[in-house]
Protein backbone atom coordinates (compact mmCIF):
# COMPACT_ATOMS: atom_id res chain seq x y z
CA MET A 1 0.00 0.00 0.00
CA GLN A 2 1.22 3.51 -0.78
CA LYS A 3 2.45 5.75 2.03
CA GLU A 4 -0.21 8.34 1.27
CA LEU A 5 -2.99 5.79 1.62
CA LEU A 6 -1.53 4.38 4.84
CA SER A 7 -1.22 7.90 6.20
CA TYR A 8 -4.83 8.66 5.29
CA ILE A 9 -6.10 5.46 6.93
CA ALA A 10 -4.00 6.15 10.05
CA GLY A 11 -5.50 9.63 10.27
CA PHE A 12 -8.98 8.16 9.97
CA LEU A 13 -8.19 5.65 12.71
CA ASP A 14 -6.81 8.44 14.91
CA GLY A 15 -10.02 10.44 14.48
CA ASP A 16 -12.92 8.05 13.90
CA GLY A 17 -11.50 4.73 14.99
CA CYS A 18 -10.66 2.65 17.97
CA VAL A 19 -7.84 0.27 18.87
CA MET A 20 -8.92 -2.12 21.61
CA ALA A 21 -7.45 -4.73 23.90
CA GLN A 22 -10.10 -6.43 26.01
CA LEU A 23 -10.16 -9.15 28.63
CA VAL A 24 -13.21 -11.24 27.79
CA HIS A 25 -14.70 -13.80 30.17
CA ARG A 26 -15.31 -17.09 28.37
CA LYS A 27 -16.82 -20.03 30.26
CA ASP A 28 -15.72 -22.41 27.51
CA TYR A 29 -12.05 -21.36 27.71
CA ARG A 30 -9.53 -23.37 29.71
CA LEU A 31 -8.39 -20.24 31.61
CA GLY A 32 -11.80 -18.58 31.75
CA TYR A 33 -10.58 -15.45 29.94
CA GLN A 34 -9.21 -14.47 26.60
CA ILE A 35 -7.56 -11.32 25.32
CA ARG A 36 -9.34 -9.89 22.30
CA LEU A 37 -7.56 -7.37 20.10
CA SER A 38 -9.46 -5.32 17.57
CA ILE A 39 -9.53 -2.24 15.40
CA VAL A 40 -12.84 -0.51 14.67
CA PHE A 41 -13.64 2.32 12.26
CA TYR A 42 -16.93 4.21 12.70
CA GLN A 43 -19.12 6.18 10.31
CA LYS A 44 -22.74 7.23 10.04
CA GLU A 45 -24.70 4.57 8.21
CA GLN A 46 -25.20 6.92 5.25
CA ASN A 47 -21.42 6.72 4.69
CA VAL A 48 -21.15 2.92 4.93
CA GLN A 49 -19.75 2.84 1.39
CA PHE A 50 -16.62 4.49 2.75
CA LEU A 51 -16.20 1.62 5.22
CA GLU A 52 -16.76 -0.84 2.37
CA TRP A 53 -14.00 0.90 0.39
CA LEU A 54 -11.74 0.78 3.45
CA LYS A 55 -12.36 -2.96 3.79
CA THR A 56 -11.19 -3.48 0.20
CA LYS A 57 -7.90 -1.86 1.22
CA LEU A 58 -7.40 -3.60 4.57
CA VAL A 59 -9.04 -6.90 3.52
CA TYR A 60 -9.73 -8.37 6.99
CA GLY A 61 -12.81 -7.94 9.14
CA TYR A 62 -16.49 -7.25 8.67
CA ILE A 63 -18.92 -4.34 8.46
CA ARG A 64 -22.10 -4.09 10.49
CA ARG A 65 -24.89 -1.56 10.65
CA ARG A 66 -25.91 -0.69 14.18
CA ASN A 67 -29.38 0.24 15.41
CA ASP A 68 -28.30 3.80 16.26
CA GLY A 69 -27.65 4.97 12.70
CA MET A 70 -23.96 4.15 12.81
CA ALA A 71 -21.93 1.59 10.90
CA GLU A 72 -18.67 0.05 11.96
CA TYR A 73 -15.89 -1.81 10.24
CA THR A 74 -14.31 -4.21 12.73
CA ILE A 75 -11.10 -6.21 12.48
CA VAL A 76 -10.71 -8.78 15.27
CA GLY A 77 -7.83 -11.03 16.20
CA ALA A 78 -4.22 -10.64 17.23
CA ASP A 79 -2.77 -11.60 13.83
CA TYR A 80 -5.01 -9.35 11.74
CA THR A 81 -4.79 -6.45 14.16
CA ALA A 82 -1.01 -6.68 14.27
CA LYS A 83 -0.66 -6.81 10.47
CA ILE A 84 -2.66 -3.62 10.09
CA LEU A 85 -1.16 -1.74 13.05
CA LYS A 86 2.39 -2.46 11.83
CA LYS A 87 1.54 -0.77 8.53
CA LEU A 88 -0.22 2.20 10.14
CA LEU A 89 2.11 2.75 13.13
CA PRO A 90 4.52 5.20 11.45
CA TYR A 91 1.58 7.46 10.60
CA LEU A 92 -0.47 7.29 13.79
CA ARG A 93 -0.40 10.30 16.10
CA LEU A 94 -3.15 10.12 18.73
CA LYS A 95 -3.26 6.34 18.98
CA ARG A 96 0.43 5.59 18.45
CA LYS A 97 1.29 4.58 22.04
CA LEU A 98 -1.91 2.54 22.28
CA ALA A 99 -1.03 0.77 19.02
CA GLU A 100 2.47 0.01 20.32
CA ILE A 101 1.03 -1.64 23.43
CA VAL A 102 -1.50 -3.62 21.38
CA LEU A 103 1.32 -4.78 19.09
CA GLU A 104 3.19 -5.99 22.17
CA ILE A 105 0.07 -7.87 23.33
CA SER A 106 -0.27 -9.43 19.86
CA LYS A 107 3.01 -11.28 20.51
CA MET A 108 1.40 -13.43 23.20
CA PRO A 109 1.82 -17.16 22.61
CA LYS A 110 -0.99 -19.10 20.96
CA LYS A 111 -0.97 -21.66 23.77
CA ILE A 112 -1.08 -19.29 26.72
CA THR A 113 -0.27 -20.23 30.31
CA PRO A 114 -1.99 -18.68 33.33
CA GLU A 115 1.20 -16.71 34.01
CA ASP A 116 1.24 -15.47 30.40
CA LEU A 117 -2.38 -14.39 30.63
CA LEU A 118 -1.67 -12.38 33.77
CA LYS A 119 1.41 -10.78 32.18
CA TYR A 120 -0.52 -9.74 29.07
CA SER A 121 -3.54 -8.72 31.18
CA GLU A 122 -1.30 -6.11 32.75
CA LEU A 123 -0.67 -4.67 29.28
CA VAL A 124 -4.42 -4.74 28.58
CA ASP A 125 -4.90 -2.72 31.78
CA LEU A 126 -2.27 -0.25 30.54
CA THR A 127 -4.26 0.39 27.35
CA ALA A 128 -7.05 1.93 29.46
CA LYS A 129 -4.77 4.94 29.97
CA TYR A 130 -5.08 5.67 26.23
CA THR A 131 -8.80 5.03 25.66
CA TYR A 132 -12.12 6.53 26.69
CA SER A 133 -13.80 3.29 27.80
CA LYS A 134 -16.24 3.66 30.67
CA LYS A 135 -17.60 0.10 30.64
CA ARG A 136 -14.35 -1.73 31.36
CA THR A 137 -14.82 -4.22 34.19
CA ASN A 138 -12.43 -7.08 33.41
CA THR A 139 -8.94 -6.29 34.63
CA LYS A 140 -5.85 -8.23 35.63
CA SER A 141 -7.07 -8.30 39.23
CA VAL A 142 -10.41 -9.81 38.14
CA VAL A 143 -8.51 -12.52 36.23
CA GLU A 144 -6.29 -13.15 39.27
CA ASP A 145 -9.35 -13.51 41.50
CA TYR A 146 -10.87 -15.94 39.00
CA PHE A 147 -7.65 -17.97 38.95
CA LYS A 148 -7.58 -18.13 42.75
CA LYS A 149 -11.25 -19.10 42.99
CA HIS A 150 -10.83 -21.86 40.37
CA LYS A 151 -7.37 -22.93 41.58
CA ILE A 152 -5.82 -22.29 38.17
CA LEU A 153 -2.50 -20.85 39.34
CA SER A 154 0.11 -23.05 40.95
CA PRO A 155 1.07 -21.96 44.48
């Protein structure tokens, strides 16, 4: 992709996008939690064609129309998120530090140990410093409590 296009997309992400690292409780997961990495671009539904164009450039992800008149283009997963953030990183301004942390989280092993999950959960907690999330409830300490309650960590 050309530098100008990457710069444009990075500017759009800085302004109307979101880079997220979330701790998600999953009853069907061996450790009870997973780390979900994602990138989301937002537009009013009337401009959904712009998100469709953007998807042709970035390839990964899906577009959905919300009930509030907004549309979002979402890219989920450590591999996909990392591929895109590596390309956009030199051009990001507002979300650069956040993207760097998310790229670090994307290096977590595929087969994660409880200790690994706690280590990367700490980085997820650090991302909160760079976002505007008000709904965040799952933190490293919540995962630790879960591990203690379910005797997941070795003494």
